[in-house]
Amino acid sequence: MKQSFVYILKCADNSYYTGITSNLSKRIKEHKIGVYKDSYTSSRRPIELVFFAEFTDINLAIQTEKQIKKWSRVKKEALINGEFEKLPNLAKKKFNSE
């Protein structure tokens, strides 16, 4: 079975980018050197890999990537920090950044 990875990068502007790939090390290298000049991360380098999950089912990986992209910053940070118990309670809530 082919592996797929869903990953989250923290960009220089403190934003997060969520992506999917079948070759994590190659894709991170591409982000770091800015291979795709019009991409979200190209103008926000340097980037840091802050989370990844491995999948054997590409459909589940795609579904997970789409789901994470819709999440709030607070919920993404709970995932990044391994605070999985907080994830259900962060659904559809609004938080002040203060």
PDB file of N, CA and C in Angstrom:
ATOM      1  N   MET A   1       0.836  -1.197   0.000  1.00  0.00           N
ATOM      2  CA  MET A   1       0.000   0.000   0.000  1.00  0.00           C
ATOM      3  C   MET A   1       0.871   1.246   0.000  1.00  0.00           C
ATOM      4  N   LYS A   2       0.407   2.228  -0.734  1.00  0.00           N
ATOM      5  CA  LYS A   2       1.132   3.480  -0.805  1.00  0.00           C
ATOM      6  C   LYS A   2       0.787   4.354   0.399  1.00  0.00           C
ATOM      7  N   GLN A   3       1.806   4.965   0.963  1.00  0.00           N
ATOM      8  CA  GLN A   3       1.599   5.849   2.103  1.00  0.00           C
ATOM      9  C   GLN A   3       1.237   7.248   1.625  1.00  0.00           C
ATOM     10  N   SER A   4       0.423   7.900   2.406  1.00  0.00           N
ATOM     11  CA  SER A   4       0.098   9.309   2.196  1.00  0.00           C
ATOM     12  C   SER A   4       0.275  10.016   3.524  1.00  0.00           C
ATOM     13  N   PHE A   5       0.579  11.288   3.447  1.00  0.00           N
ATOM     14  CA  PHE A   5       0.791  12.076   4.650  1.00  0.00           C
ATOM     15  C   PHE A   5      -0.032  13.355   4.569  1.00  0.00           C
ATOM     16  N   VAL A   6      -0.679  13.683   5.670  1.00  0.00           N
ATOM     17  CA  VAL A   6      -1.291  14.994   5.849  1.00  0.00           C
ATOM     18  C   VAL A   6      -0.363  15.731   6.794  1.00  0.00           C
ATOM     19  N   TYR A   7      -0.049  16.980   6.442  1.00  0.00           N
ATOM     20  CA  TYR A   7       0.932  17.706   7.246  1.00  0.00           C
ATOM     21  C   TYR A   7       0.495  19.152   7.456  1.00  0.00           C
ATOM     22  N   ILE A   8       1.027  19.739   8.522  1.00  0.00           N
ATOM     23  CA  ILE A   8       0.791  21.147   8.816  1.00  0.00           C
ATOM     24  C   ILE A   8       2.143  21.828   8.947  1.00  0.00           C
ATOM     25  N   LEU A   9       2.283  22.956   8.248  1.00  0.00           N
ATOM     26  CA  LEU A   9       3.484  23.764   8.337  1.00  0.00           C
ATOM     27  C   LEU A   9       3.162  25.063   9.054  1.00  0.00           C
ATOM     28  N   LYS A  10       4.090  25.524   9.856  1.00  0.00           N
ATOM     29  CA  LYS A  10       3.978  26.860  10.437  1.00  0.00           C
ATOM     30  C   LYS A  10       4.860  27.770   9.598  1.00  0.00           C
ATOM     31  N   CYS A  11       4.274  28.832   9.100  1.00  0.00           N
ATOM     32  CA  CYS A  11       4.983  29.746   8.213  1.00  0.00           C
ATOM     33  C   CYS A  11       5.595  30.911   8.990  1.00  0.00           C
ATOM     34  N   ALA A  12       6.490  31.626   8.327  1.00  0.00           N
ATOM     35  CA  ALA A  12       7.189  32.748   8.956  1.00  0.00           C
ATOM     36  C   ALA A  12       6.226  33.828   9.445  1.00  0.00           C
ATOM     37  N   ASP A  13       5.070  33.971   8.787  1.00  0.00           N
ATOM     38  CA  ASP A  13       4.087  34.978   9.212  1.00  0.00           C
ATOM     39  C   ASP A  13       3.160  34.449  10.302  1.00  0.00           C
ATOM     40  N   ASN A  14       3.497  33.268  10.860  1.00  0.00           N
ATOM     41  CA  ASN A  14       2.759  32.648  11.959  1.00  0.00           C
ATOM     42  C   ASN A  14       1.446  32.000  11.498  1.00  0.00           C
ATOM     43  N   SER A  15       1.230  31.891  10.207  1.00  0.00           N
ATOM     44  CA  SER A  15       0.043  31.203   9.699  1.00  0.00           C
ATOM     45  C   SER A  15       0.356  29.719   9.541  1.00  0.00           C
ATOM     46  N   TYR A  16      -0.691  28.932   9.335  1.00  0.00           N
ATOM     47  CA  TYR A  16      -0.529  27.498   9.142  1.00  0.00           C
ATOM     48  C   TYR A  16      -0.947  27.120   7.731  1.00  0.00           C
ATOM     49  N   TYR A  17      -0.239  26.161   7.179  1.00  0.00           N
ATOM     50  CA  TYR A  17      -0.567  25.602   5.877  1.00  0.00           C
ATOM     51  C   TYR A  17      -0.759  24.103   6.053  1.00  0.00           C
ATOM     52  N   THR A  18      -1.857  23.575   5.539  1.00  0.00           N
ATOM     53  CA  THR A  18      -2.135  22.143   5.605  1.00  0.00           C
ATOM     54  C   THR A  18      -2.059  21.564   4.202  1.00  0.00           C
ATOM     55  N   GLY A  19      -1.346  20.446   4.072  1.00  0.00           N
ATOM     56  CA  GLY A  19      -1.197  19.827   2.767  1.00  0.00           C
ATOM     57  C   GLY A  19      -1.206  18.317   2.846  1.00  0.00           C
ATOM     58  N   ILE A  20      -1.111  17.697   1.670  1.00  0.00           N
ATOM     59  CA  ILE A  20      -1.104  16.245   1.563  1.00  0.00           C
ATOM     60  C   ILE A  20      -0.040  15.859   0.544  1.00  0.00           C
ATOM     61  N   THR A  21       0.632  14.738   0.785  1.00  0.00           N
ATOM     62  CA  THR A  21       1.680  14.280  -0.121  1.00  0.00           C
ATOM     63  C   THR A  21       1.905  12.784   0.063  1.00  0.00           C
ATOM     64  N   SER A  22       2.537  12.177  -0.915  1.00  0.00           N
ATOM     65  CA  SER A  22       2.940  10.779  -0.778  1.00  0.00           C
ATOM     66  C   SER A  22       4.425  10.664  -0.419  1.00  0.00           C
ATOM     67  N   ASN A  23       5.141  11.790  -0.466  1.00  0.00           N
ATOM     68  CA  ASN A  23       6.562  11.804  -0.121  1.00  0.00           C
ATOM     69  C   ASN A  23       6.828  13.020   0.763  1.00  0.00           C
ATOM     70  N   LEU A  24       6.737  12.828   2.064  1.00  0.00           N
ATOM     71  CA  LEU A  24       6.799  13.940   3.005  1.00  0.00           C
ATOM     72  C   LEU A  24       8.134  14.678   2.955  1.00  0.00           C
ATOM     73  N   SER A  25       9.249  13.964   2.994  1.00  0.00           N
ATOM     74  CA  SER A  25      10.547  14.651   3.022  1.00  0.00           C
ATOM     75  C   SER A  25      10.777  15.466   1.750  1.00  0.00           C
ATOM     76  N   LYS A  26      10.402  14.917   0.605  1.00  0.00           N
ATOM     77  CA  LYS A  26      10.564  15.647  -0.657  1.00  0.00           C
ATOM     78  C   LYS A  26       9.685  16.892  -0.674  1.00  0.00           C
ATOM     79  N   ARG A  27       8.446  16.750  -0.231  1.00  0.00           N
ATOM     80  CA  ARG A  27       7.514  17.888  -0.258  1.00  0.00           C
ATOM     81  C   ARG A  27       7.947  18.991   0.694  1.00  0.00           C
ATOM     82  N   ILE A  28       8.439  18.640   1.868  1.00  0.00           N
ATOM     83  CA  ILE A  28       8.905  19.656   2.814  1.00  0.00           C
ATOM     84  C   ILE A  28      10.097  20.397   2.227  1.00  0.00           C
ATOM     85  N   LYS A  29      10.989  19.668   1.593  1.00  0.00           N
ATOM     86  CA  LYS A  29      12.144  20.300   0.946  1.00  0.00           C
ATOM     87  C   LYS A  29      11.677  21.284  -0.128  1.00  0.00           C
ATOM     88  N   GLU A  30      10.666  20.895  -0.902  1.00  0.00           N
ATOM     89  CA  GLU A  30      10.122  21.787  -1.930  1.00  0.00           C
ATOM     90  C   GLU A  30       9.549  23.054  -1.320  1.00  0.00           C
ATOM     91  N   HIS A  31       8.844  22.916  -0.202  1.00  0.00           N
ATOM     92  CA  HIS A  31       8.320  24.099   0.505  1.00  0.00           C
ATOM     93  C   HIS A  31       9.470  24.985   0.976  1.00  0.00           C
ATOM     94  N   LYS A  32      10.488  24.364   1.551  1.00  0.00           N
ATOM     95  CA  LYS A  32      11.600  25.135   2.125  1.00  0.00           C
ATOM     96  C   LYS A  32      12.378  25.932   1.090  1.00  0.00           C
ATOM     97  N   ILE A  33      12.539  25.370  -0.109  1.00  0.00           N
ATOM     98  CA  ILE A  33      13.303  26.099  -1.129  1.00  0.00           C
ATOM     99  C   ILE A  33      12.411  26.922  -2.057  1.00  0.00           C
ATOM    100  N   GLY A  34      11.100  26.789  -1.921  1.00  0.00           N
ATOM    101  CA  GLY A  34      10.170  27.593  -2.707  1.00  0.00           C
ATOM    102  C   GLY A  34      10.079  27.179  -4.161  1.00  0.00           C
ATOM    103  N   VAL A  35       9.985  25.878  -4.405  1.00  0.00           N
ATOM    104  CA  VAL A  35       9.917  25.350  -5.773  1.00  0.00           C
ATOM    105  C   VAL A  35       8.753  25.959  -6.557  1.00  0.00           C
ATOM    106  N   TYR A  36       7.604  26.065  -5.931  1.00  0.00           N
ATOM    107  CA  TYR A  36       6.416  26.592  -6.603  1.00  0.00           C
ATOM    108  C   TYR A  36       6.236  28.052  -6.191  1.00  0.00           C
ATOM    109  N   LYS A  37       6.678  28.951  -7.030  1.00  0.00           N
ATOM    110  CA  LYS A  37       6.758  30.390  -6.695  1.00  0.00           C
ATOM    111  C   LYS A  37       5.412  31.028  -6.361  1.00  0.00           C
ATOM    112  N   ASP A  38       4.322  30.503  -6.904  1.00  0.00           N
ATOM    113  CA  ASP A  38       3.003  31.082  -6.640  1.00  0.00           C
ATOM    114  C   ASP A  38       2.269  30.399  -5.499  1.00  0.00           C
ATOM    115  N   SER A  39       2.934  29.484  -4.819  1.00  0.00           N
ATOM    116  CA  SER A  39       2.275  28.749  -3.743  1.00  0.00           C
ATOM    117  C   SER A  39       2.141  29.605  -2.484  1.00  0.00           C
ATOM    118  N   TYR A  40       1.251  29.183  -1.604  1.00  0.00           N
ATOM    119  CA  TYR A  40       1.004  29.903  -0.348  1.00  0.00           C
ATOM    120  C   TYR A  40       2.270  30.054   0.470  1.00  0.00           C
ATOM    121  N   THR A  41       3.058  29.006   0.554  1.00  0.00           N
ATOM    122  CA  THR A  41       4.225  29.024   1.446  1.00  0.00           C
ATOM    123  C   THR A  41       5.446  29.708   0.848  1.00  0.00           C
ATOM    124  N   SER A  42       5.495  29.872  -0.447  1.00  0.00           N
ATOM    125  CA  SER A  42       6.685  30.425  -1.096  1.00  0.00           C
ATOM    126  C   SER A  42       7.069  31.803  -0.553  1.00  0.00           C
ATOM    127  N   SER A  43       6.082  32.648  -0.333  1.00  0.00           N
ATOM    128  CA  SER A  43       6.352  33.997   0.168  1.00  0.00           C
ATOM    129  C   SER A  43       6.299  34.066   1.695  1.00  0.00           C
ATOM    130  N   ARG A  44       6.127  32.923   2.344  1.00  0.00           N
ATOM    131  CA  ARG A  44       6.008  32.887   3.809  1.00  0.00           C
ATOM    132  C   ARG A  44       7.106  32.031   4.440  1.00  0.00           C
ATOM    133  N   ARG A  45       8.206  31.885   3.755  1.00  0.00           N
ATOM    134  CA  ARG A  45       9.323  31.104   4.271  1.00  0.00           C
ATOM    135  C   ARG A  45      10.126  31.939   5.251  1.00  0.00           C
ATOM    136  N   PRO A  46      10.824  31.335   6.190  1.00  0.00           N
ATOM    137  CA  PRO A  46      10.983  29.889   6.337  1.00  0.00           C
ATOM    138  C   PRO A  46       9.742  29.229   6.938  1.00  0.00           C
ATOM    139  N   ILE A  47       9.626  27.950   6.658  1.00  0.00           N
ATOM    140  CA  ILE A  47       8.514  27.157   7.180  1.00  0.00           C
ATOM    141  C   ILE A  47       9.062  26.097   8.130  1.00  0.00           C
ATOM    142  N   GLU A  48       8.175  25.590   8.976  1.00  0.00           N
ATOM    143  CA  GLU A  48       8.544  24.536   9.922  1.00  0.00           C
ATOM    144  C   GLU A  48       7.448  23.485   9.929  1.00  0.00           C
ATOM    145  N   LEU A  49       7.826  22.225   9.793  1.00  0.00           N
ATOM    146  CA  LEU A  49       6.866  21.132   9.896  1.00  0.00           C
ATOM    147  C   LEU A  49       6.485  20.979  11.363  1.00  0.00           C
ATOM    148  N   VAL A  50       5.190  21.156  11.680  1.00  0.00           N
ATOM    149  CA  VAL A  50       4.759  21.085  13.077  1.00  0.00           C
ATOM    150  C   VAL A  50       3.849  19.894  13.365  1.00  0.00           C
ATOM    151  N   PHE A  51       3.355  19.242  12.306  1.00  0.00           N
ATOM    152  CA  PHE A  51       2.485  18.081  12.498  1.00  0.00           C
ATOM    153  C   PHE A  51       2.434  17.277  11.216  1.00  0.00           C
ATOM    154  N   PHE A  52       2.371  15.950  11.369  1.00  0.00           N
ATOM    155  CA  PHE A  52       2.039  15.101  10.229  1.00  0.00           C
ATOM    156  C   PHE A  52       1.392  13.826  10.731  1.00  0.00           C
ATOM    157  N   ALA A  53       0.569  13.246   9.877  1.00  0.00           N
ATOM    158  CA  ALA A  53      -0.079  11.962  10.151  1.00  0.00           C
ATOM    159  C   ALA A  53       0.054  11.117   8.895  1.00  0.00           C
ATOM    160  N   GLU A  54       0.263   9.832   9.097  1.00  0.00           N
ATOM    161  CA  GLU A  54       0.476   8.897   7.994  1.00  0.00           C
ATOM    162  C   GLU A  54      -0.805   8.096   7.742  1.00  0.00           C
ATOM    163  N   PHE A  55      -1.112   7.874   6.469  1.00  0.00           N
ATOM    164  CA  PHE A  55      -2.312   7.143   6.067  1.00  0.00           C
ATOM    165  C   PHE A  55      -1.950   6.092   5.025  1.00  0.00           C
ATOM    166  N   THR A  56      -2.664   4.973   5.044  1.00  0.00           N
ATOM    167  CA  THR A  56      -2.526   3.974   3.986  1.00  0.00           C
ATOM    168  C   THR A  56      -3.685   4.061   3.003  1.00  0.00           C
ATOM    169  N   ASP A  57      -4.723   4.802   3.363  1.00  0.00           N
ATOM    170  CA  ASP A  57      -5.889   5.011   2.502  1.00  0.00           C
ATOM    171  C   ASP A  57      -5.878   6.459   2.025  1.00  0.00           C
ATOM    172  N   ILE A  58      -5.600   6.679   0.736  1.00  0.00           N
ATOM    173  CA  ILE A  58      -5.513   8.031   0.195  1.00  0.00           C
ATOM    174  C   ILE A  58      -6.815   8.796   0.356  1.00  0.00           C
ATOM    175  N   ASN A  59      -7.942   8.104   0.265  1.00  0.00           N
ATOM    176  CA  ASN A  59      -9.235   8.781   0.423  1.00  0.00           C
ATOM    177  C   ASN A  59      -9.419   9.335   1.828  1.00  0.00           C
ATOM    178  N   LEU A  60      -8.980   8.589   2.814  1.00  0.00           N
ATOM    179  CA  LEU A  60      -9.047   9.069   4.197  1.00  0.00           C
ATOM    180  C   LEU A  60      -8.090  10.241   4.401  1.00  0.00           C
ATOM    181  N   ALA A  61      -6.927  10.184   3.771  1.00  0.00           N
ATOM    182  CA  ALA A  61      -5.966  11.290   3.866  1.00  0.00           C
ATOM    183  C   ALA A  61      -6.550  12.564   3.261  1.00  0.00           C
ATOM    184  N   ILE A  62      -7.165  12.450   2.109  1.00  0.00           N
ATOM    185  CA  ILE A  62      -7.774  13.614   1.454  1.00  0.00           C
ATOM    186  C   ILE A  62      -8.895  14.186   2.309  1.00  0.00           C
ATOM    187  N   GLN A  63      -9.721  13.309   2.853  1.00  0.00           N
ATOM    188  CA  GLN A  63     -10.827  13.736   3.730  1.00  0.00           C
ATOM    189  C   GLN A  63     -10.278  14.456   4.966  1.00  0.00           C
ATOM    190  N   THR A  64      -9.213  13.922   5.544  1.00  0.00           N
ATOM    191  CA  THR A  64      -8.617  14.525   6.745  1.00  0.00           C
ATOM    192  C   THR A  64      -8.020  15.892   6.435  1.00  0.00           C
ATOM    193  N   GLU A  65      -7.317  16.004   5.311  1.00  0.00           N
ATOM    194  CA  GLU A  65      -6.735  17.296   4.919  1.00  0.00           C
ATOM    195  C   GLU A  65      -7.833  18.346   4.771  1.00  0.00           C
ATOM    196  N   LYS A  66      -8.904  18.003   4.077  1.00  0.00           N
ATOM    197  CA  LYS A  66     -10.015  18.943   3.876  1.00  0.00           C
ATOM    198  C   LYS A  66     -10.635  19.355   5.205  1.00  0.00           C
ATOM    199  N   GLN A  67     -10.760  18.388   6.116  1.00  0.00           N
ATOM    200  CA  GLN A  67     -11.342  18.663   7.432  1.00  0.00           C
ATOM    201  C   GLN A  67     -10.458  19.638   8.216  1.00  0.00           C
ATOM    202  N   ILE A  68      -9.160  19.366   8.275  1.00  0.00           N
ATOM    203  CA  ILE A  68      -8.239  20.222   9.033  1.00  0.00           C
ATOM    204  C   ILE A  68      -8.210  21.634   8.455  1.00  0.00           C
ATOM    205  N   LYS A  69      -8.270  21.759   7.146  1.00  0.00           N
ATOM    206  CA  LYS A  69      -8.241  23.086   6.516  1.00  0.00           C
ATOM    207  C   LYS A  69      -9.406  23.960   6.971  1.00  0.00           C
ATOM    208  N   LYS A  70     -10.510  23.352   7.370  1.00  0.00           N
ATOM    209  CA  LYS A  70     -11.687  24.104   7.825  1.00  0.00           C
ATOM    210  C   LYS A  70     -11.613  24.479   9.305  1.00  0.00           C
ATOM    211  N   TRP A  71     -10.662  23.894  10.024  1.00  0.00           N
ATOM    212  CA  TRP A  71     -10.574  24.114  11.464  1.00  0.00           C
ATOM    213  C   TRP A  71     -10.067  25.507  11.801  1.00  0.00           C
ATOM    214  N   SER A  72     -10.432  25.951  12.999  1.00  0.00           N
ATOM    215  CA  SER A  72      -9.919  27.214  13.524  1.00  0.00           C
ATOM    216  C   SER A  72      -8.443  27.059  13.882  1.00  0.00           C
ATOM    217  N   ARG A  73      -7.791  28.168  14.044  1.00  0.00           N
ATOM    218  CA  ARG A  73      -6.380  28.165  14.458  1.00  0.00           C
ATOM    219  C   ARG A  73      -6.216  27.460  15.805  1.00  0.00           C
ATOM    220  N   VAL A  74      -7.122  27.729  16.731  1.00  0.00           N
ATOM    221  CA  VAL A  74      -7.053  27.129  18.068  1.00  0.00           C
ATOM    222  C   VAL A  74      -7.158  25.600  17.978  1.00  0.00           C
ATOM    223  N   LYS A  75      -8.048  25.122  17.135  1.00  0.00           N
ATOM    224  CA  LYS A  75      -8.219  23.673  17.000  1.00  0.00           C
ATOM    225  C   LYS A  75      -6.989  23.048  16.332  1.00  0.00           C
ATOM    226  N   LYS A  76      -6.426  23.714  15.325  1.00  0.00           N
ATOM    227  CA  LYS A  76      -5.195  23.214  14.693  1.00  0.00           C
ATOM    228  C   LYS A  76      -4.061  23.148  15.718  1.00  0.00           C
ATOM    229  N   GLU A  77      -3.970  24.153  16.564  1.00  0.00           N
ATOM    230  CA  GLU A  77      -2.904  24.166  17.570  1.00  0.00           C
ATOM    231  C   GLU A  77      -3.097  23.061  18.602  1.00  0.00           C
ATOM    232  N   ALA A  78      -4.326  22.725  18.940  1.00  0.00           N
ATOM    233  CA  ALA A  78      -4.577  21.599  19.849  1.00  0.00           C
ATOM    234  C   ALA A  78      -4.084  20.304  19.206  1.00  0.00           C
ATOM    235  N   LEU A  79      -4.351  20.133  17.928  1.00  0.00           N
ATOM    236  CA  LEU A  79      -3.863  18.948  17.204  1.00  0.00           C
ATOM    237  C   LEU A  79      -2.336  18.929  17.188  1.00  0.00           C
ATOM    238  N   ILE A  80      -1.726  20.040  16.839  1.00  0.00           N
ATOM    239  CA  ILE A  80      -0.266  20.154  16.776  1.00  0.00           C
ATOM    240  C   ILE A  80       0.355  19.822  18.127  1.00  0.00           C
ATOM    241  N   ASN A  81      -0.282  20.267  19.208  1.00  0.00           N
ATOM    242  CA  ASN A  81       0.246  20.064  20.560  1.00  0.00           C
ATOM    243  C   ASN A  81      -0.132  18.716  21.164  1.00  0.00           C
ATOM    244  N   GLY A  82      -0.832  17.886  20.381  1.00  0.00           N
ATOM    245  CA  GLY A  82      -1.206  16.562  20.877  1.00  0.00           C
ATOM    246  C   GLY A  82      -2.298  16.587  21.924  1.00  0.00           C
ATOM    247  N   GLU A  83      -3.063  17.656  21.970  1.00  0.00           N
ATOM    248  CA  GLU A  83      -4.140  17.799  22.954  1.00  0.00           C
ATOM    249  C   GLU A  83      -5.454  17.294  22.337  1.00  0.00           C
ATOM    250  N   PHE A  84      -5.448  16.004  22.016  1.00  0.00           N
ATOM    251  CA  PHE A  84      -6.557  15.399  21.275  1.00  0.00           C
ATOM    252  C   PHE A  84      -7.880  15.459  22.027  1.00  0.00           C
ATOM    253  N   GLU A  85      -7.818  15.432  23.344  1.00  0.00           N
ATOM    254  CA  GLU A  85      -9.047  15.475  24.134  1.00  0.00           C
ATOM    255  C   GLU A  85      -9.779  16.804  23.969  1.00  0.00           C
ATOM    256  N   LYS A  86      -9.082  17.857  23.549  1.00  0.00           N
ATOM    257  CA  LYS A  86      -9.694  19.175  23.368  1.00  0.00           C
ATOM    258  C   LYS A  86     -10.412  19.319  22.024  1.00  0.00           C
ATOM    259  N   LEU A  87     -10.076  18.471  21.068  1.00  0.00           N
ATOM    260  CA  LEU A  87     -10.588  18.645  19.704  1.00  0.00           C
ATOM    261  C   LEU A  87     -12.110  18.669  19.606  1.00  0.00           C
ATOM    262  N   PRO A  88     -12.835  17.748  20.245  1.00  0.00           N
ATOM    263  CA  PRO A  88     -14.302  17.788  20.112  1.00  0.00           C
ATOM    264  C   PRO A  88     -14.912  19.081  20.649  1.00  0.00           C
ATOM    265  N   ASN A  89     -14.353  19.625  21.715  1.00  0.00           N
ATOM    266  CA  ASN A  89     -14.905  20.831  22.325  1.00  0.00           C
ATOM    267  C   ASN A  89     -14.563  22.102  21.545  1.00  0.00           C
ATOM    268  N   LEU A  90     -13.634  22.002  20.601  1.00  0.00           N
ATOM    269  CA  LEU A  90     -13.251  23.177  19.824  1.00  0.00           C
ATOM    270  C   LEU A  90     -14.024  23.269  18.513  1.00  0.00           C
ATOM    271  N   ALA A  91     -14.928  22.382  18.296  1.00  0.00           N
ATOM    272  CA  ALA A  91     -15.716  22.406  17.065  1.00  0.00           C
ATOM    273  C   ALA A  91     -16.670  23.583  17.059  1.00  0.00           C
ATOM    274  N   LYS A  92     -16.612  24.345  16.021  1.00  0.00           N
ATOM    275  CA  LYS A  92     -17.549  25.434  15.743  1.00  0.00           C
ATOM    276  C   LYS A  92     -17.674  26.471  16.854  1.00  0.00           C
ATOM    277  N   LYS A  93     -16.637  26.638  17.630  1.00  0.00           N
ATOM    278  CA  LYS A  93     -16.648  27.693  18.643  1.00  0.00           C
ATOM    279  C   LYS A  93     -15.759  28.821  18.162  1.00  0.00           C
ATOM    280  N   LYS A  94     -16.072  30.023  18.561  1.00  0.00           N
ATOM    281  CA  LYS A  94     -15.239  31.173  18.208  1.00  0.00           C
ATOM    282  C   LYS A  94     -14.462  31.590  19.438  1.00  0.00           C
ATOM    283  N   PHE A  95     -13.194  31.916  19.208  1.00  0.00           N
ATOM    284  CA  PHE A  95     -12.316  32.312  20.292  1.00  0.00           C
ATOM    285  C   PHE A  95     -11.685  33.652  19.988  1.00  0.00           C
ATOM    286  N   ASN A  96     -11.520  34.448  21.019  1.00  0.00           N
ATOM    287  CA  ASN A  96     -10.782  35.695  20.865  1.00  0.00           C
ATOM    288  C   ASN A  96      -9.304  35.369  20.921  1.00  0.00           C
ATOM    289  N   SER A  97      -8.503  36.113  20.185  1.00  0.00           N
ATOM    290  CA  SER A  97      -7.061  35.863  20.183  1.00  0.00           C
ATOM    291  C   SER A  97      -6.379  36.513  21.372  1.00  0.00           C
ATOM    292  N   GLU A  98      -7.131  37.181  22.211  1.00  0.00           N
ATOM    293  CA  GLU A  98      -6.543  37.849  23.383  1.00  0.00           C
ATOM    294  C   GLU A  98      -6.429  36.912  24.558  1.00  0.00           C
TER     295      GLU A  98
END
